[in-house]
């Protein structure tokens, strides 16, 4: 009878332990479920390199329709007119000794109130040396090459020719350009006059020089 009672007691103790373990397991499972929430989709972990605040998208640039200005709104620079241009003959001296050669230049002035364009190339330049009505020398008679050069002459601006031409004190002709013994201009106090032209505009007067 004593053995039977001891066996029953052990079975009851085992049952109590099993119930206790079951209760502990249920409680643990509930706690895990509350913490882990396996039924919910996991939230995305933010990228630390990405800003948390979304940046508003910038609008794409659109083409701007710029109207073409009319000629009256932006007038172009027009060609110079005779009334606005002053051309003068310039020499490096007034009197030349027998061994000196006159150096001839041009002075060009825009007397107008606005800028204008003019061709100052060698194709539009001409120098002439006269004595009375006698044409002694003309720069274009033996000119080998010529070119055009359109420039803008500012209102009120005066510009000289870049490189002077040298008159060799002889008579020029298109047929004697290579002659070494061309006729020399009389000296001894003889008076000569220099006239110039550029861009289609002639000098208003002449420049007098004396050859000794």
N, C-alpha and C. Protein backbone atom coordinates (compact mmCIF):
# COMPACT_ATOMS: atom_id res chain seq x y z
N UNK A 1 0.82 -1.19 0.00
CA UNK A 1 0.00 0.00 0.00
C UNK A 1 0.85 1.23 0.00
N UNK A 2 1.99 1.16 0.73
CA UNK A 2 2.92 2.29 0.80
C UNK A 2 3.58 2.53 -0.52
N UNK A 3 3.94 1.46 -1.28
CA UNK A 3 4.59 1.60 -2.58
C UNK A 3 3.64 2.24 -3.57
N UNK A 4 2.35 1.83 -3.51
CA UNK A 4 1.39 2.37 -4.44
C UNK A 4 1.19 3.86 -4.22
N UNK A 5 1.20 4.25 -2.94
CA UNK A 5 1.02 5.67 -2.61
C UNK A 5 2.18 6.49 -3.12
N UNK A 6 3.41 5.96 -3.00
CA UNK A 6 4.61 6.69 -3.46
C UNK A 6 4.59 6.85 -4.95
N UNK A 7 4.13 5.84 -5.70
CA UNK A 7 4.09 5.94 -7.17
C UNK A 7 3.09 6.98 -7.60
N UNK A 8 1.96 7.01 -6.93
CA UNK A 8 0.95 8.00 -7.28
C UNK A 8 1.47 9.40 -7.03
N UNK A 9 2.20 9.57 -5.96
CA UNK A 9 2.74 10.89 -5.60
C UNK A 9 3.73 11.38 -6.65
N UNK A 10 4.55 10.44 -7.15
CA UNK A 10 5.54 10.82 -8.16
C UNK A 10 4.86 11.24 -9.45
N UNK A 11 3.78 10.50 -9.85
CA UNK A 11 3.09 10.85 -11.07
C UNK A 11 2.45 12.24 -10.97
N UNK A 12 1.90 12.53 -9.78
CA UNK A 12 1.28 13.82 -9.59
C UNK A 12 2.32 14.97 -9.66
N UNK A 13 3.50 14.72 -9.09
CA UNK A 13 4.58 15.72 -9.14
C UNK A 13 5.00 15.96 -10.59
N UNK A 14 5.09 14.87 -11.36
CA UNK A 14 5.50 14.99 -12.76
C UNK A 14 4.46 15.76 -13.55
N UNK A 15 3.18 15.51 -13.27
CA UNK A 15 2.13 16.22 -13.98
C UNK A 15 2.17 17.70 -13.67
N UNK A 16 2.43 18.05 -12.40
CA UNK A 16 2.50 19.46 -12.02
C UNK A 16 3.67 20.15 -12.75
N UNK A 17 4.81 19.45 -12.83
CA UNK A 17 5.98 20.03 -13.50
C UNK A 17 5.69 20.26 -14.97
N UNK A 18 5.02 19.26 -15.60
CA UNK A 18 4.71 19.41 -17.02
C UNK A 18 3.77 20.59 -17.27
N UNK A 19 2.74 20.70 -16.37
CA UNK A 19 1.83 21.83 -16.51
C UNK A 19 2.56 23.15 -16.36
N UNK A 20 3.47 23.19 -15.38
CA UNK A 20 4.24 24.41 -15.15
C UNK A 20 5.10 24.76 -16.35
N UNK A 21 5.75 23.75 -16.96
CA UNK A 21 6.58 23.99 -18.14
C UNK A 21 5.73 24.47 -19.31
N UNK A 22 4.50 23.90 -19.42
CA UNK A 22 3.63 24.30 -20.49
C UNK A 22 3.21 25.76 -20.32
N UNK A 23 2.90 26.13 -19.08
CA UNK A 23 2.51 27.53 -18.82
C UNK A 23 3.66 28.47 -19.15
N UNK A 24 4.87 28.09 -18.76
CA UNK A 24 6.03 28.94 -19.04
C UNK A 24 6.23 29.08 -20.55
N UNK A 25 6.04 27.99 -21.30
CA UNK A 25 6.23 28.03 -22.75
C UNK A 25 5.20 28.93 -23.41
N UNK A 26 3.94 28.84 -22.92
CA UNK A 26 2.89 29.68 -23.50
C UNK A 26 3.16 31.15 -23.25
N UNK A 27 3.58 31.45 -22.02
CA UNK A 27 3.88 32.85 -21.69
C UNK A 27 5.04 33.37 -22.51
N UNK A 28 6.07 32.55 -22.68
CA UNK A 28 7.23 32.97 -23.47
C UNK A 28 6.86 33.19 -24.93
N UNK A 29 6.01 32.30 -25.45
CA UNK A 29 5.59 32.46 -26.84
C UNK A 29 4.78 33.72 -27.02
N UNK A 30 3.94 34.04 -26.07
CA UNK A 30 3.15 35.28 -26.17
C UNK A 30 4.01 36.52 -26.12
N UNK A 31 4.99 36.49 -25.23
CA UNK A 31 5.90 37.64 -25.13
C UNK A 31 6.68 37.83 -26.41
N UNK A 32 7.15 36.73 -27.01
CA UNK A 32 7.90 36.83 -28.28
C UNK A 32 7.02 37.38 -29.40
N UNK A 33 5.73 36.91 -29.38
CA UNK A 33 4.81 37.38 -30.41
C UNK A 33 4.55 38.88 -30.28
N UNK A 34 4.48 39.38 -29.05
CA UNK A 34 4.24 40.80 -28.86
C UNK A 34 5.44 41.64 -29.28
N UNK A 35 6.63 41.10 -29.09
CA UNK A 35 7.84 41.85 -29.39
C UNK A 35 8.19 41.74 -30.88
N UNK A 36 8.20 40.54 -31.41
CA UNK A 36 8.64 40.33 -32.78
C UNK A 36 7.57 40.66 -33.81
N UNK A 37 6.32 40.47 -33.50
CA UNK A 37 5.22 40.71 -34.44
C UNK A 37 5.51 40.08 -35.80
N UNK A 38 5.60 38.76 -35.85
CA UNK A 38 5.97 38.10 -37.09
C UNK A 38 4.94 38.26 -38.19
N UNK A 39 3.74 38.67 -37.90
CA UNK A 39 2.70 38.83 -38.93
C UNK A 39 2.80 40.13 -39.71
N UNK A 40 3.59 41.05 -39.20
CA UNK A 40 3.74 42.33 -39.88
C UNK A 40 4.97 42.30 -40.78
N UNK A 41 4.83 42.96 -41.92
CA UNK A 41 5.99 43.04 -42.84
C UNK A 41 7.07 43.89 -42.22
N UNK A 42 8.31 43.53 -42.34
CA UNK A 42 9.40 44.31 -41.72
C UNK A 42 9.53 45.67 -42.41
N UNK A 43 9.73 46.70 -41.58
CA UNK A 43 9.92 48.06 -42.13
C UNK A 43 11.29 48.17 -42.76
N UNK A 44 11.34 48.92 -43.86
CA UNK A 44 12.62 49.11 -44.57
C UNK A 44 13.54 49.96 -43.72
N UNK A 45 14.76 49.53 -43.63
CA UNK A 45 15.77 50.28 -42.88
C UNK A 45 16.27 51.43 -43.72
N UNK A 46 16.15 52.67 -43.23
CA UNK A 46 16.57 53.82 -44.06
C UNK A 46 18.05 53.79 -44.35
N UNK A 47 18.39 54.16 -45.61
CA UNK A 47 19.80 54.24 -46.02
C UNK A 47 20.41 55.48 -45.40
N UNK A 48 21.47 55.32 -44.60
CA UNK A 48 22.06 56.50 -43.96
C UNK A 48 22.60 57.52 -44.94
N UNK A 49 22.87 57.08 -46.20
CA UNK A 49 23.40 58.02 -47.19
C UNK A 49 22.31 58.80 -47.88
N UNK A 50 21.01 58.43 -47.62
CA UNK A 50 19.89 59.10 -48.27
C UNK A 50 19.23 60.03 -47.29
N UNK A 51 18.94 61.23 -47.74
CA UNK A 51 18.29 62.21 -46.88
C UNK A 51 16.91 61.71 -46.50
N UNK A 52 16.52 61.90 -45.22
CA UNK A 52 15.22 61.47 -44.74
C UNK A 52 14.12 62.35 -45.29
N UNK A 53 14.43 63.61 -45.59
CA UNK A 53 13.43 64.54 -46.10
C UNK A 53 13.46 64.52 -47.62
N UNK A 54 12.38 64.12 -48.28
CA UNK A 54 12.40 64.07 -49.76
C UNK A 54 12.61 65.44 -50.35
N UNK A 55 13.50 65.50 -51.35
CA UNK A 55 13.79 66.75 -52.03
C UNK A 55 12.78 66.96 -53.14
N UNK A 56 12.10 68.11 -53.18
CA UNK A 56 11.11 68.34 -54.25
C UNK A 56 11.79 68.35 -55.60
N UNK A 57 11.19 67.74 -56.58
CA UNK A 57 11.76 67.62 -57.92
C UNK A 57 11.76 68.97 -58.61
N UNK A 58 12.93 69.36 -59.14
CA UNK A 58 13.04 70.64 -59.83
C UNK A 58 12.38 70.55 -61.19
N UNK A 59 11.67 71.57 -61.59
CA UNK A 59 11.04 71.53 -62.92
C UNK A 59 12.07 71.61 -64.02
N UNK A 60 11.85 70.96 -65.12
CA UNK A 60 12.77 71.00 -66.26
C UNK A 60 12.75 72.38 -66.88
N UNK A 61 13.94 72.87 -67.29
CA UNK A 61 13.97 74.20 -67.92
C UNK A 61 13.21 74.19 -69.23
N UNK A 62 12.57 75.28 -69.50
CA UNK A 62 11.82 75.41 -70.75
C UNK A 62 12.48 76.46 -71.62
N UNK A 63 12.38 76.31 -72.91
CA UNK A 63 12.98 77.26 -73.84
C UNK A 63 12.23 78.59 -73.77
N UNK A 64 12.99 79.64 -73.80
CA UNK A 64 12.40 80.97 -73.78
C UNK A 64 12.34 81.49 -75.20
N UNK A 65 11.23 81.96 -75.63
CA UNK A 65 11.06 82.48 -76.98
C UNK A 65 11.50 83.93 -77.00
N UNK A 66 12.75 84.16 -77.45
CA UNK A 66 13.28 85.52 -77.51
C UNK A 66 12.96 86.13 -78.86
N UNK A 67 12.23 87.21 -78.88
CA UNK A 67 11.90 87.82 -80.17
C UNK A 67 13.12 88.41 -80.83
N UNK A 68 13.18 88.31 -82.12
CA UNK A 68 14.27 88.90 -82.88
C UNK A 68 14.07 90.40 -82.98
N UNK A 69 15.06 91.20 -82.52
CA UNK A 69 14.87 92.66 -82.57
C UNK A 69 14.77 93.14 -84.00
N UNK A 70 13.95 94.11 -84.20
CA UNK A 70 13.80 94.67 -85.54
C UNK A 70 14.92 95.64 -85.83
N UNK A 71 15.06 96.01 -87.08
CA UNK A 71 16.13 96.92 -87.47
C UNK A 71 15.98 98.28 -86.80
N UNK A 72 14.73 98.68 -86.53
CA UNK A 72 14.52 99.98 -85.90
C UNK A 72 14.91 99.96 -84.43
N UNK A 73 14.82 98.77 -83.79
CA UNK A 73 15.18 98.67 -82.37
C UNK A 73 16.69 98.60 -82.19
N UNK A 74 17.39 97.90 -83.06
CA UNK A 74 18.84 97.77 -82.98
C UNK A 74 19.44 98.12 -84.33
N UNK A 75 19.52 99.38 -84.65
CA UNK A 75 20.05 99.76 -85.97
C UNK A 75 21.50 99.34 -86.12
N UNK A 76 21.86 98.79 -87.29
CA UNK A 76 23.23 98.38 -87.53
C UNK A 76 24.11 99.56 -87.89
N UNK A 77 25.41 99.31 -87.87
CA UNK A 77 26.36 100.35 -88.22
C UNK A 77 26.38 100.49 -89.74
N UNK A 78 26.11 101.67 -90.21
CA UNK A 78 26.00 101.91 -91.65
C UNK A 78 27.34 102.37 -92.21
N UNK A 79 27.43 102.36 -93.52
CA UNK A 79 28.65 102.82 -94.19
C UNK A 79 28.82 104.33 -94.01
N UNK A 80 30.07 104.73 -93.94
CA UNK A 80 30.36 106.16 -93.77
C UNK A 80 29.90 106.95 -95.00
N UNK A 81 29.50 108.18 -94.76
CA UNK A 81 29.08 109.07 -95.84
C UNK A 81 30.07 110.22 -95.97
N UNK A 82 30.10 110.79 -97.16
CA UNK A 82 31.08 111.85 -97.44
C UNK A 82 30.97 113.03 -96.49
N UNK A 83 29.74 113.34 -96.07
CA UNK A 83 29.55 114.49 -95.18
C UNK A 83 30.18 114.28 -93.81
N UNK A 84 30.41 113.02 -93.43
CA UNK A 84 30.94 112.72 -92.10
C UNK A 84 32.43 112.41 -92.10
N UNK A 85 33.03 112.29 -93.27
CA UNK A 85 34.42 111.85 -93.36
C UNK A 85 35.34 112.99 -93.80
N UNK A 86 36.46 113.10 -93.09
CA UNK A 86 37.49 114.08 -93.46
C UNK A 86 38.79 113.33 -93.72
N UNK A 87 39.35 113.51 -94.90
CA UNK A 87 40.60 112.86 -95.30
C UNK A 87 41.65 113.93 -95.55
N UNK A 88 42.82 113.74 -94.94
CA UNK A 88 43.91 114.70 -95.09
C UNK A 88 45.18 113.98 -95.51
N UNK A 89 45.97 114.65 -96.36
CA UNK A 89 47.30 114.15 -96.71
C UNK A 89 48.29 114.59 -95.63
N UNK A 90 49.15 113.65 -95.22
CA UNK A 90 50.13 113.93 -94.16
C UNK A 90 51.52 113.59 -94.68
N UNK A 91 52.50 114.44 -94.39
CA UNK A 91 53.90 114.17 -94.74
C UNK A 91 54.75 114.30 -93.49
N UNK A 92 55.93 113.67 -93.51
CA UNK A 92 56.80 113.71 -92.34
C UNK A 92 57.60 115.00 -92.25
N UNK A 93 57.53 115.83 -93.29
CA UNK A 93 58.23 117.13 -93.28
C UNK A 93 57.61 118.02 -94.34
N UNK A 94 58.02 119.29 -94.31
CA UNK A 94 57.55 120.23 -95.34
C UNK A 94 58.61 120.46 -96.41
N UNK A 95 59.86 120.43 -96.00
CA UNK A 95 60.98 120.64 -96.92
C UNK A 95 61.94 119.47 -96.82
N UNK A 96 62.44 119.02 -97.99
CA UNK A 96 63.29 117.84 -98.02
C UNK A 96 64.63 118.18 -98.68
N UNK A 97 65.68 117.76 -98.00
CA UNK A 97 67.02 117.93 -98.55
C UNK A 97 67.20 116.98 -99.73
N UNK A 98 68.24 117.20 -100.55
CA UNK A 98 68.43 116.37 -101.75
C UNK A 98 68.49 114.87 -101.47
N UNK A 99 68.97 114.49 -100.27
CA UNK A 99 69.10 113.06 -99.97
C UNK A 99 67.92 112.50 -99.17
N UNK A 100 66.87 113.26 -98.99
CA UNK A 100 65.71 112.82 -98.23
C UNK A 100 64.55 112.47 -99.16
N UNK A 101 63.83 111.40 -98.80
CA UNK A 101 62.67 110.96 -99.56
C UNK A 101 61.40 111.24 -98.75
N UNK A 102 60.41 111.90 -99.33
CA UNK A 102 59.17 112.19 -98.61
C UNK A 102 58.41 110.92 -98.21
N UNK A 103 57.92 110.92 -96.99
CA UNK A 103 57.08 109.82 -96.49
C UNK A 103 55.64 110.34 -96.41
N UNK A 104 54.74 109.64 -97.09
CA UNK A 104 53.37 110.11 -97.25
C UNK A 104 52.40 109.22 -96.45
N UNK A 105 51.45 109.87 -95.75
CA UNK A 105 50.47 109.14 -94.94
C UNK A 105 49.10 109.75 -95.12
N UNK A 106 48.10 109.10 -94.49
CA UNK A 106 46.72 109.56 -94.56
C UNK A 106 46.18 109.75 -93.14
N UNK A 107 45.44 110.81 -92.94
CA UNK A 107 44.70 111.02 -91.69
C UNK A 107 43.21 110.93 -92.01
N UNK A 108 42.50 110.05 -91.27
CA UNK A 108 41.08 109.79 -91.54
C UNK A 108 40.27 110.11 -90.29
N UNK A 109 39.25 110.94 -90.42
CA UNK A 109 38.44 111.37 -89.27
C UNK A 109 36.96 111.17 -89.55
N UNK A 110 36.26 110.63 -88.55
CA UNK A 110 34.80 110.54 -88.61
C UNK A 110 34.23 111.75 -87.86
N UNK A 111 33.75 112.73 -88.59
CA UNK A 111 33.20 113.94 -87.97
C UNK A 111 31.74 113.78 -87.60
N UNK A 112 31.14 112.65 -87.94
CA UNK A 112 29.73 112.43 -87.68
C UNK A 112 29.44 112.11 -86.22
N UNK A 113 28.14 112.02 -85.92
CA UNK A 113 27.71 111.75 -84.54
C UNK A 113 27.55 110.26 -84.26
N UNK A 114 27.67 109.42 -85.27
CA UNK A 114 27.51 107.98 -85.09
C UNK A 114 28.68 107.23 -85.71
N UNK A 115 28.89 106.00 -85.26
CA UNK A 115 29.92 105.15 -85.83
C UNK A 115 29.52 104.76 -87.25
N UNK A 116 30.53 104.48 -88.06
CA UNK A 116 30.25 104.05 -89.42
C UNK A 116 31.37 103.14 -89.90
N UNK A 117 31.11 102.38 -90.95
CA UNK A 117 32.11 101.45 -91.48
C UNK A 117 32.72 102.01 -92.76
N UNK A 118 33.98 101.64 -92.97
CA UNK A 118 34.70 102.12 -94.15
C UNK A 118 35.76 101.10 -94.53
N UNK A 119 36.02 100.98 -95.82
CA UNK A 119 37.07 100.09 -96.31
C UNK A 119 38.38 100.87 -96.37
N UNK A 120 39.32 100.49 -95.51
CA UNK A 120 40.60 101.19 -95.46
C UNK A 120 41.73 100.34 -96.03
N UNK A 121 41.37 99.29 -96.76
CA UNK A 121 42.40 98.43 -97.35
C UNK A 121 43.20 99.14 -98.42
N UNK A 122 44.31 98.53 -98.79
CA UNK A 122 45.19 99.13 -99.79
C UNK A 122 44.50 99.27 -101.15
N UNK A 123 43.45 98.48 -101.37
CA UNK A 123 42.72 98.58 -102.63
C UNK A 123 41.96 99.89 -102.76
N UNK A 124 41.73 100.58 -101.63
CA UNK A 124 40.98 101.84 -101.67
C UNK A 124 41.88 103.05 -101.40
N UNK A 125 43.19 102.85 -101.30
CA UNK A 125 44.10 103.96 -101.01
C UNK A 125 44.81 104.43 -102.28
N UNK A 126 44.96 105.74 -102.38
CA UNK A 126 45.68 106.31 -103.52
C UNK A 126 46.41 107.57 -103.08
N UNK A 127 47.68 107.66 -103.47
CA UNK A 127 48.50 108.85 -103.21
C UNK A 127 48.92 109.43 -104.56
N UNK A 128 48.84 110.73 -104.66
CA UNK A 128 49.26 111.41 -105.90
C UNK A 128 50.12 112.62 -105.56
N UNK A 129 51.18 112.79 -106.33
CA UNK A 129 52.06 113.95 -106.19
C UNK A 129 52.01 114.73 -107.51
N UNK A 130 51.65 115.98 -107.41
CA UNK A 130 51.52 116.82 -108.60
C UNK A 130 52.38 118.07 -108.48
N UNK A 131 52.69 118.64 -109.61
CA UNK A 131 53.35 119.94 -109.68
C UNK A 131 52.56 120.77 -110.68
N UNK A 132 51.77 121.68 -110.18
CA UNK A 132 50.83 122.39 -111.04
C UNK A 132 49.79 121.41 -111.54
N UNK A 133 49.64 121.33 -112.87
CA UNK A 133 48.71 120.38 -113.48
C UNK A 133 49.40 119.07 -113.91
N UNK A 134 50.68 118.98 -113.58
CA UNK A 134 51.46 117.82 -114.00
C UNK A 134 51.44 116.75 -112.92
N UNK A 135 50.89 115.58 -113.23
CA UNK A 135 50.89 114.45 -112.29
C UNK A 135 52.24 113.74 -112.37
N UNK A 136 53.01 113.85 -111.29
CA UNK A 136 54.33 113.26 -111.26
C UNK A 136 54.33 111.81 -110.77
N UNK A 137 53.58 111.54 -109.77
CA UNK A 137 53.66 110.19 -109.17
C UNK A 137 52.30 109.78 -108.63
N UNK A 138 51.93 108.50 -108.86
CA UNK A 138 50.68 107.94 -108.35
C UNK A 138 50.98 106.56 -107.77
N UNK A 139 50.54 106.31 -106.56
CA UNK A 139 50.90 105.07 -105.86
C UNK A 139 50.33 103.82 -106.52
N UNK A 140 49.22 103.94 -107.22
CA UNK A 140 48.59 102.76 -107.81
C UNK A 140 49.20 102.36 -109.15
N UNK A 141 50.08 103.19 -109.69
CA UNK A 141 50.67 102.87 -110.99
C UNK A 141 51.46 101.56 -110.94
N UNK A 142 52.20 101.36 -109.88
CA UNK A 142 53.06 100.17 -109.77
C UNK A 142 52.72 99.32 -108.55
N UNK A 143 51.49 99.42 -108.09
CA UNK A 143 51.08 98.65 -106.91
C UNK A 143 50.95 97.18 -107.28
N UNK A 144 51.70 96.32 -106.58
CA UNK A 144 51.73 94.89 -106.92
C UNK A 144 50.52 94.15 -106.37
N UNK A 145 50.14 94.41 -105.14
CA UNK A 145 49.03 93.70 -104.51
C UNK A 145 48.12 94.70 -103.82
N UNK A 146 46.87 94.32 -103.66
CA UNK A 146 45.92 95.18 -102.97
C UNK A 146 44.91 94.31 -102.23
N UNK A 147 44.33 94.86 -101.18
CA UNK A 147 43.36 94.11 -100.39
C UNK A 147 42.36 95.06 -99.77
N UNK A 148 41.23 94.50 -99.31
CA UNK A 148 40.20 95.28 -98.64
C UNK A 148 40.26 95.03 -97.14
N UNK A 149 39.83 96.00 -96.37
CA UNK A 149 39.76 95.86 -94.92
C UNK A 149 38.65 96.78 -94.40
N UNK A 150 37.51 96.18 -94.04
CA UNK A 150 36.39 96.94 -93.53
C UNK A 150 36.57 97.14 -92.03
N UNK A 151 36.52 98.40 -91.58
CA UNK A 151 36.66 98.70 -90.17
C UNK A 151 35.54 99.64 -89.74
N UNK A 152 35.32 99.68 -88.43
CA UNK A 152 34.34 100.61 -87.86
C UNK A 152 35.07 101.84 -87.35
N UNK A 153 34.66 102.99 -87.84
CA UNK A 153 35.26 104.26 -87.43
C UNK A 153 34.33 104.91 -86.41
N UNK A 154 34.81 105.01 -85.18
CA UNK A 154 34.00 105.57 -84.11
C UNK A 154 33.74 107.05 -84.33
N UNK A 155 32.57 107.49 -83.93
CA UNK A 155 32.23 108.91 -84.07
C UNK A 155 33.28 109.77 -83.38
N UNK A 156 33.79 110.76 -84.11
CA UNK A 156 34.81 111.66 -83.57
C UNK A 156 36.22 111.11 -83.59
N UNK A 157 36.42 109.92 -84.09
CA UNK A 157 37.74 109.28 -84.08
C UNK A 157 38.58 109.71 -85.28
N UNK A 158 39.88 109.92 -85.02
CA UNK A 158 40.85 110.21 -86.07
C UNK A 158 41.92 109.13 -86.06
N UNK A 159 42.19 108.53 -87.21
CA UNK A 159 43.19 107.47 -87.30
C UNK A 159 44.14 107.77 -88.45
N UNK A 160 45.43 107.49 -88.25
CA UNK A 160 46.40 107.67 -89.34
C UNK A 160 46.63 106.34 -90.05
N UNK A 161 47.15 106.40 -91.27
CA UNK A 161 47.52 105.16 -91.95
C UNK A 161 48.69 104.53 -91.20
N UNK A 162 48.73 103.20 -91.22
CA UNK A 162 49.69 102.48 -90.38
C UNK A 162 51.13 102.69 -90.83
N UNK A 163 51.40 102.50 -92.12
CA UNK A 163 52.77 102.59 -92.63
C UNK A 163 52.83 103.61 -93.76
N UNK A 164 53.68 104.60 -93.66
CA UNK A 164 53.76 105.61 -94.73
C UNK A 164 54.35 105.04 -96.01
N UNK A 165 53.94 105.63 -97.13
CA UNK A 165 54.54 105.30 -98.41
C UNK A 165 55.67 106.29 -98.71
N UNK A 166 56.69 105.78 -99.35
CA UNK A 166 57.85 106.62 -99.66
C UNK A 166 57.83 106.98 -101.15
N UNK A 167 57.88 108.26 -101.41
CA UNK A 167 58.00 108.71 -102.81
C UNK A 167 59.48 108.81 -103.15
N UNK A 168 59.88 108.12 -104.19
CA UNK A 168 61.30 108.08 -104.55
C UNK A 168 61.73 109.28 -105.38
N UNK A 169 60.88 110.30 -105.48
CA UNK A 169 61.16 111.55 -106.18
C UNK A 169 61.38 111.33 -107.67
N UNK A 170 60.64 110.36 -108.24
CA UNK A 170 60.69 110.11 -109.68
C UNK A 170 59.28 110.17 -110.26
N UNK A 171 59.19 110.19 -111.59
CA UNK A 171 57.90 110.18 -112.25
C UNK A 171 57.45 108.72 -112.41
N UNK A 172 56.20 108.44 -112.02
CA UNK A 172 55.69 107.07 -112.10
C UNK A 172 54.91 106.87 -113.40
N UNK A 173 54.82 105.58 -113.80
CA UNK A 173 54.04 105.20 -114.97
C UNK A 173 53.82 103.69 -114.89
N UNK A 174 52.69 103.23 -115.39
CA UNK A 174 52.43 101.79 -115.36
C UNK A 174 53.38 101.01 -116.26
N UNK A 175 54.08 101.71 -117.13
CA UNK A 175 55.00 101.04 -118.07
C UNK A 175 56.46 101.16 -117.67
N UNK A 176 56.74 101.88 -116.57
CA UNK A 176 58.15 102.09 -116.19
C UNK A 176 58.42 101.62 -114.76
N UNK A 177 57.59 100.70 -114.26
CA UNK A 177 57.74 100.27 -112.86
C UNK A 177 59.09 99.61 -112.58
N UNK A 178 59.64 98.90 -113.57
CA UNK A 178 60.91 98.20 -113.35
C UNK A 178 62.11 98.99 -113.86
N UNK A 179 61.87 100.18 -114.36
CA UNK A 179 62.99 100.98 -114.87
C UNK A 179 63.80 101.55 -113.71
N UNK A 180 65.12 101.49 -113.84
CA UNK A 180 66.00 102.03 -112.81
C UNK A 180 66.31 103.51 -113.05
N UNK A 181 66.08 103.99 -114.23
CA UNK A 181 66.44 105.37 -114.57
C UNK A 181 65.19 106.19 -114.91
N UNK A 182 64.20 106.11 -114.06
CA UNK A 182 63.02 106.92 -114.31
C UNK A 182 63.35 108.40 -114.09
N UNK A 183 62.57 109.25 -114.75
CA UNK A 183 62.82 110.70 -114.67
C UNK A 183 62.67 111.18 -113.23
N UNK A 184 63.71 111.91 -112.77
CA UNK A 184 63.70 112.44 -111.41
C UNK A 184 62.99 113.80 -111.40
N UNK A 185 62.29 114.02 -110.28
CA UNK A 185 61.55 115.28 -110.13
C UNK A 185 62.53 116.42 -109.90
N UNK A 186 62.34 117.55 -110.59
CA UNK A 186 63.21 118.72 -110.36
C UNK A 186 63.16 119.15 -108.90
N UNK A 187 64.31 119.60 -108.41
CA UNK A 187 64.38 120.04 -107.01
C UNK A 187 64.81 121.51 -107.00
N UNK A 188 65.71 121.86 -106.06
CA UNK A 188 66.18 123.23 -105.98
C UNK A 188 65.10 124.19 -105.50
N UNK A 189 64.22 123.70 -104.62
CA UNK A 189 63.16 124.56 -104.11
C UNK A 189 61.85 124.42 -104.87
N UNK A 190 61.75 123.36 -105.67
CA UNK A 190 60.52 123.15 -106.43
C UNK A 190 59.39 122.71 -105.49
N UNK A 191 58.19 123.18 -105.80
CA UNK A 191 57.02 122.90 -104.95
C UNK A 191 56.17 121.78 -105.57
N UNK A 192 55.71 120.88 -104.71
CA UNK A 192 54.85 119.77 -105.12
C UNK A 192 53.66 119.68 -104.13
N UNK A 193 52.58 119.06 -104.58
CA UNK A 193 51.40 118.92 -103.74
C UNK A 193 50.99 117.45 -103.66
N UNK A 194 50.67 117.03 -102.46
CA UNK A 194 50.29 115.63 -102.21
C UNK A 194 48.79 115.58 -101.95
N UNK A 195 48.10 114.72 -102.69
CA UNK A 195 46.67 114.46 -102.50
C UNK A 195 46.49 112.98 -102.20
N UNK A 196 45.48 112.66 -101.39
CA UNK A 196 45.26 111.26 -101.02
C UNK A 196 43.77 110.93 -101.15
N UNK A 197 43.49 109.62 -101.17
CA UNK A 197 42.12 109.13 -101.21
C UNK A 197 42.08 107.79 -100.48
N UNK A 198 40.96 107.53 -99.76
CA UNK A 198 40.80 106.26 -99.05
C UNK A 198 39.31 105.96 -98.90
N UNK A 199 38.95 104.72 -99.11
CA UNK A 199 37.57 104.30 -98.94
C UNK A 199 36.60 104.99 -99.87
N UNK A 200 37.10 105.53 -100.96
CA UNK A 200 36.25 106.25 -101.89
C UNK A 200 36.09 107.72 -101.58
N UNK A 201 36.84 108.21 -100.58
CA UNK A 201 36.76 109.63 -100.19
C UNK A 201 38.09 110.31 -100.47
N UNK A 202 38.04 111.42 -101.19
CA UNK A 202 39.24 112.18 -101.53
C UNK A 202 39.54 113.23 -100.46
N UNK A 203 40.81 113.53 -100.34
CA UNK A 203 41.19 114.61 -99.42
C UNK A 203 40.63 115.93 -99.93
N UNK A 204 40.21 116.77 -98.98
CA UNK A 204 39.59 118.04 -99.35
C UNK A 204 40.61 118.98 -100.01
N UNK A 205 41.85 118.89 -99.57
CA UNK A 205 42.89 119.74 -100.13
C UNK A 205 44.16 118.92 -100.34
N UNK A 206 45.25 119.62 -100.53
CA UNK A 206 46.54 118.95 -100.75
C UNK A 206 47.53 119.41 -99.69
N UNK A 207 48.61 118.66 -99.59
CA UNK A 207 49.69 119.01 -98.68
C UNK A 207 50.89 119.45 -99.52
N UNK A 208 51.38 120.63 -99.28
CA UNK A 208 52.51 121.14 -100.06
C UNK A 208 53.83 120.69 -99.46
N UNK A 209 54.76 120.29 -100.34
CA UNK A 209 56.11 119.95 -99.91
C UNK A 209 57.10 120.65 -100.86
N UNK A 210 58.32 120.87 -100.35
CA UNK A 210 59.38 121.53 -101.13
C UNK A 210 60.56 120.58 -101.24
N UNK A 211 61.03 120.38 -102.46
CA UNK A 211 62.22 119.54 -102.70
C UNK A 211 63.43 120.44 -102.94
N UNK A 212 64.45 120.25 -102.13
CA UNK A 212 65.70 120.98 -102.30
C UNK A 212 66.68 120.18 -103.13
